[in-house]
């Protein structure tokens, strides 16, 4: 979804060989976005949590933060408002 939302220059859809998202994972890896499924195709179909989303968005913004640092980065930049209680 991120690659589509950014209308990423240089992304070329390719026919998949092992997984339908091969092209996106290859592009994300080239852009140095965090991709836990790049080396493990089985992980590509697993849901991701908010922390992983924060890491991907921070990476797409050009910084390499992990865990709560990625979340704090998004909050500080106004890209997220935090979790709603309840």
N, C-alpha and C. Protein backbone atom coordinates (compact mmCIF):
# COMPACT_ATOMS: atom_id res chain seq x y z
N UNK A 1 0.82 -1.19 0.00
CA UNK A 1 0.00 0.00 0.00
C UNK A 1 0.87 1.25 0.00
N UNK A 2 1.97 1.20 0.72
CA UNK A 2 2.87 2.36 0.79
C UNK A 2 3.43 2.71 -0.58
N UNK A 3 3.88 1.72 -1.31
CA UNK A 3 4.45 1.97 -2.64
C UNK A 3 3.40 2.59 -3.55
N UNK A 4 2.18 2.10 -3.48
CA UNK A 4 1.10 2.68 -4.29
C UNK A 4 0.77 4.09 -3.83
N UNK A 5 0.73 4.33 -2.53
CA UNK A 5 0.38 5.65 -2.00
C UNK A 5 1.43 6.70 -2.36
N UNK A 6 2.69 6.30 -2.40
CA UNK A 6 3.77 7.23 -2.72
C UNK A 6 3.93 7.43 -4.22
N UNK A 7 3.21 6.63 -5.01
CA UNK A 7 3.39 6.67 -6.46
C UNK A 7 4.89 6.62 -6.76
N UNK A 8 5.54 5.64 -6.17
CA UNK A 8 7.00 5.53 -6.15
C UNK A 8 7.61 5.48 -7.54
N UNK A 9 8.53 6.40 -7.77
CA UNK A 9 9.27 6.41 -9.03
C UNK A 9 10.27 5.26 -9.01
N UNK A 10 10.38 4.60 -10.10
CA UNK A 10 11.31 3.49 -10.20
C UNK A 10 10.70 2.14 -9.90
N UNK A 11 9.46 2.12 -9.37
CA UNK A 11 8.83 0.84 -9.10
C UNK A 11 8.28 0.26 -10.39
N UNK A 12 8.69 -0.93 -10.69
CA UNK A 12 8.20 -1.64 -11.87
C UNK A 12 7.56 -2.95 -11.41
N UNK A 13 6.25 -3.08 -11.59
CA UNK A 13 5.63 -4.35 -11.22
C UNK A 13 6.26 -5.49 -12.01
N UNK A 14 6.48 -6.60 -11.35
CA UNK A 14 7.04 -7.77 -12.02
C UNK A 14 6.15 -8.96 -11.74
N UNK A 15 6.27 -9.94 -12.61
CA UNK A 15 5.56 -11.19 -12.37
C UNK A 15 6.17 -11.84 -11.14
N UNK A 16 5.32 -12.38 -10.28
CA UNK A 16 5.84 -13.00 -9.07
C UNK A 16 6.33 -14.41 -9.36
N UNK A 17 7.27 -14.83 -8.54
CA UNK A 17 7.77 -16.18 -8.68
C UNK A 17 7.40 -17.01 -7.45
N UNK A 18 7.65 -16.49 -6.25
CA UNK A 18 7.33 -17.21 -5.03
C UNK A 18 6.10 -16.63 -4.32
N UNK A 19 5.86 -15.35 -4.50
CA UNK A 19 4.79 -14.67 -3.77
C UNK A 19 4.27 -13.52 -4.62
N UNK A 20 2.99 -13.20 -4.46
CA UNK A 20 2.39 -12.14 -5.27
C UNK A 20 3.03 -10.78 -5.02
N UNK A 21 3.68 -10.57 -3.86
CA UNK A 21 4.25 -9.27 -3.52
C UNK A 21 5.75 -9.19 -3.80
N UNK A 22 6.31 -10.10 -4.57
CA UNK A 22 7.75 -10.10 -4.82
C UNK A 22 8.26 -8.76 -5.34
N UNK A 23 7.56 -8.18 -6.29
CA UNK A 23 8.02 -6.92 -6.88
C UNK A 23 8.06 -5.79 -5.87
N UNK A 24 7.05 -5.70 -5.02
CA UNK A 24 7.00 -4.65 -4.01
C UNK A 24 8.09 -4.86 -2.97
N UNK A 25 8.30 -6.10 -2.57
CA UNK A 25 9.35 -6.37 -1.58
C UNK A 25 10.73 -6.06 -2.15
N UNK A 26 10.96 -6.39 -3.40
CA UNK A 26 12.24 -6.06 -4.03
C UNK A 26 12.46 -4.55 -4.07
N UNK A 27 11.42 -3.81 -4.45
CA UNK A 27 11.53 -2.36 -4.50
C UNK A 27 11.76 -1.77 -3.10
N UNK A 28 11.00 -2.24 -2.12
CA UNK A 28 11.15 -1.74 -0.75
C UNK A 28 12.56 -2.01 -0.22
N UNK A 29 13.09 -3.16 -0.54
CA UNK A 29 14.44 -3.49 -0.10
C UNK A 29 15.47 -2.57 -0.77
N UNK A 30 15.28 -2.27 -2.05
CA UNK A 30 16.19 -1.36 -2.76
C UNK A 30 16.14 0.04 -2.15
N UNK A 31 14.96 0.44 -1.64
CA UNK A 31 14.80 1.76 -1.04
C UNK A 31 15.21 1.78 0.43
N UNK A 32 15.65 0.65 0.93
CA UNK A 32 16.08 0.49 2.32
C UNK A 32 14.93 0.65 3.31
N UNK A 33 13.71 0.31 2.89
CA UNK A 33 12.58 0.28 3.80
C UNK A 33 12.69 -1.01 4.62
N UNK A 34 12.27 -1.00 5.87
CA UNK A 34 12.31 -2.23 6.66
C UNK A 34 11.34 -3.26 6.08
N UNK A 35 11.85 -4.41 5.76
CA UNK A 35 11.03 -5.46 5.16
C UNK A 35 11.33 -6.79 5.83
N UNK A 36 10.58 -7.11 6.86
CA UNK A 36 10.84 -8.36 7.57
C UNK A 36 10.55 -9.57 6.69
N UNK A 37 9.75 -9.42 5.68
CA UNK A 37 9.43 -10.54 4.80
C UNK A 37 10.34 -10.67 3.61
N UNK A 38 11.34 -9.81 3.49
CA UNK A 38 12.20 -9.87 2.31
C UNK A 38 12.96 -11.19 2.26
N UNK A 39 13.51 -11.62 3.39
CA UNK A 39 14.29 -12.85 3.43
C UNK A 39 13.47 -14.07 3.82
N UNK A 40 12.22 -13.86 4.21
CA UNK A 40 11.38 -14.97 4.63
C UNK A 40 10.01 -14.82 3.97
N UNK A 41 9.81 -15.50 2.86
CA UNK A 41 8.58 -15.36 2.08
C UNK A 41 7.35 -15.73 2.91
N UNK A 42 7.49 -16.63 3.87
CA UNK A 42 6.35 -17.04 4.70
C UNK A 42 5.79 -15.87 5.50
N UNK A 43 6.64 -14.90 5.87
CA UNK A 43 6.20 -13.75 6.66
C UNK A 43 5.38 -12.77 5.86
N UNK A 44 5.44 -12.83 4.55
CA UNK A 44 4.78 -11.84 3.71
C UNK A 44 3.27 -11.85 3.82
N UNK A 45 2.69 -12.94 4.19
CA UNK A 45 1.23 -13.02 4.30
C UNK A 45 0.75 -12.81 5.73
N UNK A 46 1.66 -12.58 6.66
CA UNK A 46 1.29 -12.33 8.05
C UNK A 46 0.90 -10.87 8.24
N UNK A 47 -0.09 -10.61 9.09
CA UNK A 47 -0.43 -9.21 9.39
C UNK A 47 0.73 -8.53 10.13
N UNK A 48 0.80 -7.22 10.00
CA UNK A 48 1.83 -6.47 10.71
C UNK A 48 1.16 -5.60 11.77
N UNK A 49 1.93 -5.23 12.79
CA UNK A 49 1.37 -4.42 13.88
C UNK A 49 1.69 -2.93 13.67
N UNK A 50 1.21 -2.11 14.57
CA UNK A 50 1.39 -0.66 14.45
C UNK A 50 2.86 -0.26 14.50
N UNK A 51 3.62 -0.96 15.31
CA UNK A 51 5.05 -0.65 15.41
C UNK A 51 5.74 -0.88 14.07
N UNK A 52 5.40 -1.98 13.41
CA UNK A 52 6.01 -2.26 12.11
C UNK A 52 5.60 -1.21 11.07
N UNK A 53 4.34 -0.79 11.13
CA UNK A 53 3.88 0.26 10.23
C UNK A 53 4.65 1.55 10.48
N UNK A 54 4.87 1.89 11.75
CA UNK A 54 5.63 3.09 12.08
C UNK A 54 7.05 2.99 11.55
N UNK A 55 7.66 1.83 11.64
CA UNK A 55 9.02 1.64 11.13
C UNK A 55 9.06 1.81 9.61
N UNK A 56 8.06 1.29 8.93
CA UNK A 56 8.01 1.41 7.47
C UNK A 56 7.81 2.87 7.05
N UNK A 57 6.90 3.56 7.71
CA UNK A 57 6.64 4.96 7.36
C UNK A 57 7.86 5.82 7.66
N UNK A 58 8.49 5.59 8.80
CA UNK A 58 9.71 6.34 9.13
C UNK A 58 10.79 6.06 8.09
N UNK A 59 10.93 4.81 7.70
CA UNK A 59 11.91 4.45 6.67
C UNK A 59 11.62 5.14 5.34
N UNK A 60 10.34 5.21 4.99
CA UNK A 60 9.96 5.89 3.74
C UNK A 60 10.22 7.39 3.83
N UNK A 61 10.28 7.91 5.05
CA UNK A 61 10.56 9.33 5.25
C UNK A 61 12.06 9.59 5.35
N UNK A 62 12.86 8.52 5.19
CA UNK A 62 14.30 8.69 5.11
C UNK A 62 15.07 8.49 6.40
N UNK A 63 14.41 8.01 7.45
CA UNK A 63 15.11 7.76 8.71
C UNK A 63 14.99 6.29 9.08
N UNK A 64 15.90 5.82 9.89
CA UNK A 64 15.94 4.41 10.26
C UNK A 64 15.71 4.26 11.76
N UNK A 65 14.44 4.32 12.17
CA UNK A 65 14.08 4.14 13.57
C UNK A 65 13.36 2.81 13.72
N UNK A 66 13.55 2.17 14.86
CA UNK A 66 12.86 0.92 15.14
C UNK A 66 12.10 1.03 16.46
N UNK A 67 11.09 0.20 16.59
CA UNK A 67 10.34 0.12 17.84
C UNK A 67 9.68 1.42 18.23
N UNK A 68 9.76 1.71 19.51
CA UNK A 68 9.09 2.92 20.02
C UNK A 68 9.72 4.19 19.46
N UNK A 69 10.97 4.12 19.03
CA UNK A 69 11.58 5.31 18.41
C UNK A 69 10.87 5.67 17.11
N UNK A 70 10.46 4.68 16.35
CA UNK A 70 9.72 4.93 15.11
C UNK A 70 8.36 5.55 15.43
N UNK A 71 7.72 5.03 16.46
CA UNK A 71 6.42 5.58 16.86
C UNK A 71 6.57 7.02 17.32
N UNK A 72 7.57 7.30 18.14
CA UNK A 72 7.81 8.67 18.61
C UNK A 72 8.11 9.60 17.45
N UNK A 73 8.82 9.10 16.46
CA UNK A 73 9.13 9.91 15.28
C UNK A 73 7.84 10.32 14.57
N UNK A 74 6.94 9.37 14.37
CA UNK A 74 5.68 9.68 13.70
C UNK A 74 4.85 10.67 14.51
N UNK A 75 4.81 10.47 15.81
CA UNK A 75 4.06 11.40 16.67
C UNK A 75 4.67 12.80 16.61
N UNK A 76 5.99 12.88 16.67
CA UNK A 76 6.68 14.17 16.62
C UNK A 76 6.50 14.90 15.31
N UNK A 77 6.41 14.16 14.21
CA UNK A 77 6.21 14.76 12.89
C UNK A 77 4.74 15.06 12.59
N UNK A 78 3.85 14.63 13.49
CA UNK A 78 2.42 14.83 13.26
C UNK A 78 1.84 13.85 12.26
N UNK A 79 2.54 12.75 12.01
CA UNK A 79 2.05 11.75 11.06
C UNK A 79 1.11 10.75 11.72
N UNK A 80 1.03 10.78 13.04
CA UNK A 80 0.12 9.92 13.79
C UNK A 80 -0.32 10.69 15.04
N UNK A 81 -1.47 10.30 15.56
CA UNK A 81 -1.99 10.95 16.76
C UNK A 81 -1.92 10.06 17.98
N UNK A 82 -1.48 8.84 17.83
CA UNK A 82 -1.45 7.93 18.96
C UNK A 82 -2.66 7.05 19.02
N UNK A 83 -2.64 6.13 19.96
CA UNK A 83 -3.73 5.17 20.11
C UNK A 83 -4.87 5.80 20.90
N UNK A 84 -6.07 5.53 20.44
CA UNK A 84 -7.27 6.02 21.12
C UNK A 84 -7.58 5.10 22.29
N UNK A 85 -7.80 5.66 23.50
CA UNK A 85 -8.12 4.80 24.64
C UNK A 85 -9.38 3.97 24.39
N UNK A 86 -9.35 2.71 24.83
CA UNK A 86 -10.51 1.84 24.73
C UNK A 86 -10.61 1.20 23.39
